[in-house]
Amino acid sequence: MAGTGVLIALFAGLLPLFFGQPFLSGLWLGKVGSPLLFDVGVYLAVIGSVLMILLNVEEELS
């Protein structure tokens, strides 16, 4: 989950480069924009990292 989130955030940052805009600039494709994709990617990366930490702590306690 964390890796997928990082890839989505990276894709959202690189997407404007294909349209001649700077890295991480806001690009709107219909109702979904690159800032939303970046936020979803960061959300998945954080949730995935926290879940990994919690699972490692739980394994050590068992």
PDB file of N, CA and C in Angstrom:
ATOM      1  N   MET A   1       0.829  -1.188   0.000  1.00  0.00           N
ATOM      2  CA  MET A   1       0.000   0.000   0.000  1.00  0.00           C
ATOM      3  C   MET A   1       0.876   1.255   0.000  1.00  0.00           C
ATOM      4  N   ALA A   2       1.938   1.223   0.791  1.00  0.00           N
ATOM      5  CA  ALA A   2       2.807   2.403   0.867  1.00  0.00           C
ATOM      6  C   ALA A   2       3.508   2.641  -0.469  1.00  0.00           C
ATOM      7  N   GLY A   3       3.965   1.582  -1.095  1.00  0.00           N
ATOM      8  CA  GLY A   3       4.630   1.718  -2.390  1.00  0.00           C
ATOM      9  C   GLY A   3       3.702   2.226  -3.472  1.00  0.00           C
ATOM     10  N   THR A   4       2.472   1.742  -3.458  1.00  0.00           N
ATOM     11  CA  THR A   4       1.479   2.208  -4.424  1.00  0.00           C
ATOM     12  C   THR A   4       1.206   3.695  -4.225  1.00  0.00           C
ATOM     13  N   GLY A   5       1.116   4.120  -2.981  1.00  0.00           N
ATOM     14  CA  GLY A   5       0.880   5.530  -2.699  1.00  0.00           C
ATOM     15  C   GLY A   5       2.012   6.411  -3.193  1.00  0.00           C
ATOM     16  N   VAL A   6       3.249   5.956  -3.003  1.00  0.00           N
ATOM     17  CA  VAL A   6       4.401   6.729  -3.481  1.00  0.00           C
ATOM     18  C   VAL A   6       4.377   6.813  -5.003  1.00  0.00           C
ATOM     19  N   LEU A   7       4.031   5.732  -5.659  1.00  0.00           N
ATOM     20  CA  LEU A   7       3.965   5.754  -7.124  1.00  0.00           C
ATOM     21  C   LEU A   7       2.865   6.678  -7.637  1.00  0.00           C
ATOM     22  N   ILE A   8       1.717   6.690  -6.967  1.00  0.00           N
ATOM     23  CA  ILE A   8       0.627   7.582  -7.366  1.00  0.00           C
ATOM     24  C   ILE A   8       1.034   9.039  -7.168  1.00  0.00           C
ATOM     25  N   ALA A   9       1.684   9.344  -6.048  1.00  0.00           N
ATOM     26  CA  ALA A   9       2.131  10.713  -5.792  1.00  0.00           C
ATOM     27  C   ALA A   9       3.188  11.135  -6.816  1.00  0.00           C
ATOM     28  N   LEU A  10       4.088  10.237  -7.153  1.00  0.00           N
ATOM     29  CA  LEU A  10       5.110  10.539  -8.156  1.00  0.00           C
ATOM     30  C   LEU A  10       4.462  10.768  -9.519  1.00  0.00           C
ATOM     31  N   PHE A  11       3.499   9.944  -9.877  1.00  0.00           N
ATOM     32  CA  PHE A  11       2.779  10.114 -11.141  1.00  0.00           C
ATOM     33  C   PHE A  11       2.069  11.463 -11.181  1.00  0.00           C
ATOM     34  N   ALA A  12       1.456  11.857 -10.066  1.00  0.00           N
ATOM     35  CA  ALA A  12       0.756  13.142 -10.017  1.00  0.00           C
ATOM     36  C   ALA A  12       1.735  14.298 -10.170  1.00  0.00           C
ATOM     37  N   GLY A  13       2.956  14.143  -9.671  1.00  0.00           N
ATOM     38  CA  GLY A  13       3.959  15.188  -9.821  1.00  0.00           C
ATOM     39  C   GLY A  13       4.516  15.254 -11.226  1.00  0.00           C
ATOM     40  N   LEU A  14       4.663  14.101 -11.875  1.00  0.00           N
ATOM     41  CA  LEU A  14       5.231  14.049 -13.218  1.00  0.00           C
ATOM     42  C   LEU A  14       4.208  14.350 -14.316  1.00  0.00           C
ATOM     43  N   LEU A  15       2.946  14.170 -14.047  1.00  0.00           N
ATOM     44  CA  LEU A  15       1.901  14.348 -15.057  1.00  0.00           C
ATOM     45  C   LEU A  15       1.938  15.725 -15.727  1.00  0.00           C
ATOM     46  N   PRO A  16       2.098  16.821 -14.985  1.00  0.00           N
ATOM     47  CA  PRO A  16       2.145  18.132 -15.653  1.00  0.00           C
ATOM     48  C   PRO A  16       3.338  18.302 -16.598  1.00  0.00           C
ATOM     49  N   LEU A  17       4.412  17.549 -16.404  1.00  0.00           N
ATOM     50  CA  LEU A  17       5.566  17.653 -17.295  1.00  0.00           C
ATOM     51  C   LEU A  17       5.205  17.272 -18.730  1.00  0.00           C
ATOM     52  N   PHE A  18       4.263  16.349 -18.891  1.00  0.00           N
ATOM     53  CA  PHE A  18       3.838  15.928 -20.218  1.00  0.00           C
ATOM     54  C   PHE A  18       3.017  16.994 -20.930  1.00  0.00           C
ATOM     55  N   PHE A  19       2.536  17.988 -20.188  1.00  0.00           N
ATOM     56  CA  PHE A  19       1.752  19.079 -20.761  1.00  0.00           C
ATOM     57  C   PHE A  19       2.534  20.388 -20.778  1.00  0.00           C
ATOM     58  N   GLY A  20       3.850  20.304 -20.586  1.00  0.00           N
ATOM     59  CA  GLY A  20       4.703  21.484 -20.671  1.00  0.00           C
ATOM     60  C   GLY A  20       4.654  22.390 -19.457  1.00  0.00           C
ATOM     61  N   GLN A  21       4.203  21.885 -18.328  1.00  0.00           N
ATOM     62  CA  GLN A  21       4.143  22.674 -17.102  1.00  0.00           C
ATOM     63  C   GLN A  21       5.204  22.180 -16.128  1.00  0.00           C
ATOM     64  N   PRO A  22       5.543  23.006 -15.126  1.00  0.00           N
ATOM     65  CA  PRO A  22       6.564  22.577 -14.160  1.00  0.00           C
ATOM     66  C   PRO A  22       6.097  21.400 -13.296  1.00  0.00           C
ATOM     67  N   PHE A  23       7.097  20.715 -12.713  1.00  0.00           N
ATOM     68  CA  PHE A  23       6.845  19.579 -11.823  1.00  0.00           C
ATOM     69  C   PHE A  23       5.956  20.014 -10.662  1.00  0.00           C
ATOM     70  N   LEU A  24       4.972  19.206 -10.312  1.00  0.00           N
ATOM     71  CA  LEU A  24       4.029  19.413  -9.204  1.00  0.00           C
ATOM     72  C   LEU A  24       3.115  20.618  -9.379  1.00  0.00           C
ATOM     73  N   SER A  25       2.942  21.112 -10.599  1.00  0.00           N
ATOM     74  CA  SER A  25       1.965  22.179 -10.789  1.00  0.00           C
ATOM     75  C   SER A  25       0.577  21.558 -10.915  1.00  0.00           C
ATOM     76  N   GLY A  26      -0.437  22.321 -10.564  1.00  0.00           N
ATOM     77  CA  GLY A  26      -1.803  21.794 -10.601  1.00  0.00           C
ATOM     78  C   GLY A  26      -2.289  21.618 -12.027  1.00  0.00           C
ATOM     79  N   LEU A  27      -2.790  20.455 -12.325  1.00  0.00           N
ATOM     80  CA  LEU A  27      -3.312  20.141 -13.655  1.00  0.00           C
ATOM     81  C   LEU A  27      -4.671  19.489 -13.473  1.00  0.00           C
ATOM     82  N   TRP A  28      -5.682  20.049 -14.111  1.00  0.00           N
ATOM     83  CA  TRP A  28      -7.039  19.527 -13.948  1.00  0.00           C
ATOM     84  C   TRP A  28      -7.463  18.791 -15.201  1.00  0.00           C
ATOM     85  N   LEU A  29      -7.844  17.532 -15.032  1.00  0.00           N
ATOM     86  CA  LEU A  29      -8.340  16.699 -16.117  1.00  0.00           C
ATOM     87  C   LEU A  29      -9.792  16.362 -15.811  1.00  0.00           C
ATOM     88  N   GLY A  30     -10.680  17.220 -16.224  1.00  0.00           N
ATOM     89  CA  GLY A  30     -12.086  17.050 -15.883  1.00  0.00           C
ATOM     90  C   GLY A  30     -12.316  17.435 -14.431  1.00  0.00           C
ATOM     91  N   LYS A  31     -12.933  16.565 -13.669  1.00  0.00           N
ATOM     92  CA  LYS A  31     -13.203  16.851 -12.259  1.00  0.00           C
ATOM     93  C   LYS A  31     -12.074  16.412 -11.341  1.00  0.00           C
ATOM     94  N   VAL A  32     -11.142  15.609 -11.859  1.00  0.00           N
ATOM     95  CA  VAL A  32     -10.029  15.106 -11.055  1.00  0.00           C
ATOM     96  C   VAL A  32      -8.773  15.888 -11.429  1.00  0.00           C
ATOM     97  N   GLY A  33      -8.089  16.394 -10.421  1.00  0.00           N
ATOM     98  CA  GLY A  33      -6.877  17.144 -10.667  1.00  0.00           C
ATOM     99  C   GLY A  33      -5.659  16.443 -10.103  1.00  0.00           C
ATOM    100  N   SER A  34      -4.493  16.891 -10.535  1.00  0.00           N
ATOM    101  CA  SER A  34      -3.267  16.289 -10.037  1.00  0.00           C
ATOM    102  C   SER A  34      -3.076  16.539  -8.536  1.00  0.00           C
ATOM    103  N   PRO A  35      -3.559  17.659  -7.960  1.00  0.00           N
ATOM    104  CA  PRO A  35      -3.444  17.785  -6.504  1.00  0.00           C
ATOM    105  C   PRO A  35      -4.224  16.695  -5.756  1.00  0.00           C
ATOM    106  N   LEU A  36      -5.367  16.310  -6.275  1.00  0.00           N
ATOM    107  CA  LEU A  36      -6.150  15.240  -5.645  1.00  0.00           C
ATOM    108  C   LEU A  36      -5.408  13.905  -5.745  1.00  0.00           C
ATOM    109  N   LEU A  37      -4.821  13.626  -6.900  1.00  0.00           N
ATOM    110  CA  LEU A  37      -4.049  12.389  -7.051  1.00  0.00           C
ATOM    111  C   LEU A  37      -2.854  12.374  -6.104  1.00  0.00           C
ATOM    112  N   PHE A  38      -2.187  13.522  -5.965  1.00  0.00           N
ATOM    113  CA  PHE A  38      -1.049  13.610  -5.056  1.00  0.00           C
ATOM    114  C   PHE A  38      -1.500  13.356  -3.620  1.00  0.00           C
ATOM    115  N   ASP A  39      -2.612  13.963  -3.218  1.00  0.00           N
ATOM    116  CA  ASP A  39      -3.115  13.771  -1.855  1.00  0.00           C
ATOM    117  C   ASP A  39      -3.497  12.319  -1.594  1.00  0.00           C
ATOM    118  N   VAL A  40      -4.114  11.665  -2.566  1.00  0.00           N
ATOM    119  CA  VAL A  40      -4.475  10.252  -2.411  1.00  0.00           C
ATOM    120  C   VAL A  40      -3.211   9.402  -2.284  1.00  0.00           C
ATOM    121  N   GLY A  41      -2.196   9.719  -3.078  1.00  0.00           N
ATOM    122  CA  GLY A  41      -0.941   8.987  -2.988  1.00  0.00           C
ATOM    123  C   GLY A  41      -0.273   9.143  -1.634  1.00  0.00           C
ATOM    124  N   VAL A  42      -0.244  10.374  -1.112  1.00  0.00           N
ATOM    125  CA  VAL A  42       0.346  10.608   0.205  1.00  0.00           C
ATOM    126  C   VAL A  42      -0.462   9.895   1.280  1.00  0.00           C
ATOM    127  N   TYR A  43      -1.788   9.935   1.170  1.00  0.00           N
ATOM    128  CA  TYR A  43      -2.653   9.250   2.130  1.00  0.00           C
ATOM    129  C   TYR A  43      -2.338   7.754   2.154  1.00  0.00           C
ATOM    130  N   LEU A  44      -2.253   7.142   0.986  1.00  0.00           N
ATOM    131  CA  LEU A  44      -1.962   5.707   0.930  1.00  0.00           C
ATOM    132  C   LEU A  44      -0.571   5.393   1.469  1.00  0.00           C
ATOM    133  N   ALA A  45       0.405   6.257   1.177  1.00  0.00           N
ATOM    134  CA  ALA A  45       1.760   6.027   1.669  1.00  0.00           C
ATOM    135  C   ALA A  45       1.809   6.106   3.191  1.00  0.00           C
ATOM    136  N   VAL A  46       1.119   7.079   3.768  1.00  0.00           N
ATOM    137  CA  VAL A  46       1.131   7.232   5.225  1.00  0.00           C
ATOM    138  C   VAL A  46       0.389   6.081   5.894  1.00  0.00           C
ATOM    139  N   ILE A  47      -0.787   5.750   5.390  1.00  0.00           N
ATOM    140  CA  ILE A  47      -1.566   4.658   5.979  1.00  0.00           C
ATOM    141  C   ILE A  47      -0.806   3.338   5.852  1.00  0.00           C
ATOM    142  N   GLY A  48      -0.188   3.092   4.698  1.00  0.00           N
ATOM    143  CA  GLY A  48       0.590   1.877   4.518  1.00  0.00           C
ATOM    144  C   GLY A  48       1.773   1.806   5.463  1.00  0.00           C
ATOM    145  N   SER A  49       2.454   2.929   5.670  1.00  0.00           N
ATOM    146  CA  SER A  49       3.603   2.952   6.585  1.00  0.00           C
ATOM    147  C   SER A  49       3.169   2.705   8.024  1.00  0.00           C
ATOM    148  N   VAL A  50       2.088   3.334   8.434  1.00  0.00           N
ATOM    149  CA  VAL A  50       1.596   3.160   9.801  1.00  0.00           C
ATOM    150  C   VAL A  50       1.151   1.718  10.024  1.00  0.00           C
ATOM    151  N   LEU A  51       0.487   1.132   9.050  1.00  0.00           N
ATOM    152  CA  LEU A  51       0.064  -0.263   9.187  1.00  0.00           C
ATOM    153  C   LEU A  51       1.262  -1.201   9.284  1.00  0.00           C
ATOM    154  N   MET A  52       2.319  -0.920   8.501  1.00  0.00           N
ATOM    155  CA  MET A  52       3.522  -1.747   8.594  1.00  0.00           C
ATOM    156  C   MET A  52       4.152  -1.651   9.977  1.00  0.00           C
ATOM    157  N   ILE A  53       4.214  -0.448  10.521  1.00  0.00           N
ATOM    158  CA  ILE A  53       4.782  -0.263  11.859  1.00  0.00           C
ATOM    159  C   ILE A  53       3.948  -0.994  12.900  1.00  0.00           C
ATOM    160  N   LEU A  54       2.629  -0.844  12.818  1.00  0.00           N
ATOM    161  CA  LEU A  54       1.762  -1.510  13.775  1.00  0.00           C
ATOM    162  C   LEU A  54       1.864  -3.029  13.687  1.00  0.00           C
ATOM    163  N   LEU A  55       1.945  -3.561  12.492  1.00  0.00           N
ATOM    164  CA  LEU A  55       2.075  -5.013  12.343  1.00  0.00           C
ATOM    165  C   LEU A  55       3.408  -5.507  12.881  1.00  0.00           C
ATOM    166  N   ASN A  56       4.481  -4.744  12.687  1.00  0.00           N
ATOM    167  CA  ASN A  56       5.782  -5.142  13.236  1.00  0.00           C
ATOM    168  C   ASN A  56       5.772  -5.105  14.757  1.00  0.00           C
ATOM    169  N   VAL A  57       5.146  -4.096  15.329  1.00  0.00           N
ATOM    170  CA  VAL A  57       5.061  -4.002  16.805  1.00  0.00           C
ATOM    171  C   VAL A  57       4.220  -5.164  17.332  1.00  0.00           C
ATOM    172  N   GLU A  58       3.131  -5.477  16.657  1.00  0.00           N
ATOM    173  CA  GLU A  58       2.265  -6.572  17.106  1.00  0.00           C
ATOM    174  C   GLU A  58       3.000  -7.911  17.031  1.00  0.00           C
ATOM    175  N   GLU A  59       3.814  -8.106  15.994  1.00  0.00           N
ATOM    176  CA  GLU A  59       4.568  -9.350  15.878  1.00  0.00           C
ATOM    177  C   GLU A  59       5.606  -9.476  17.008  1.00  0.00           C
ATOM    178  N   GLU A  60       6.210  -8.370  17.384  1.00  0.00           N
ATOM    179  CA  GLU A  60       7.210  -8.405  18.451  1.00  0.00           C
ATOM    180  C   GLU A  60       6.568  -8.693  19.802  1.00  0.00           C
ATOM    181  N   LEU A  61       5.330  -8.243  20.000  1.00  0.00           N
ATOM    182  CA  LEU A  61       4.652  -8.460  21.264  1.00  0.00           C
ATOM    183  C   LEU A  61       4.092  -9.877  21.383  1.00  0.00           C
ATOM    184  N   SER A  62       3.873 -10.545  20.288  1.00  0.00           N
ATOM    185  CA  SER A  62       3.300 -11.899  20.326  1.00  0.00           C
ATOM    186  C   SER A  62       4.344 -12.941  20.605  1.00  0.00           C
TER     187      SER A  62
END
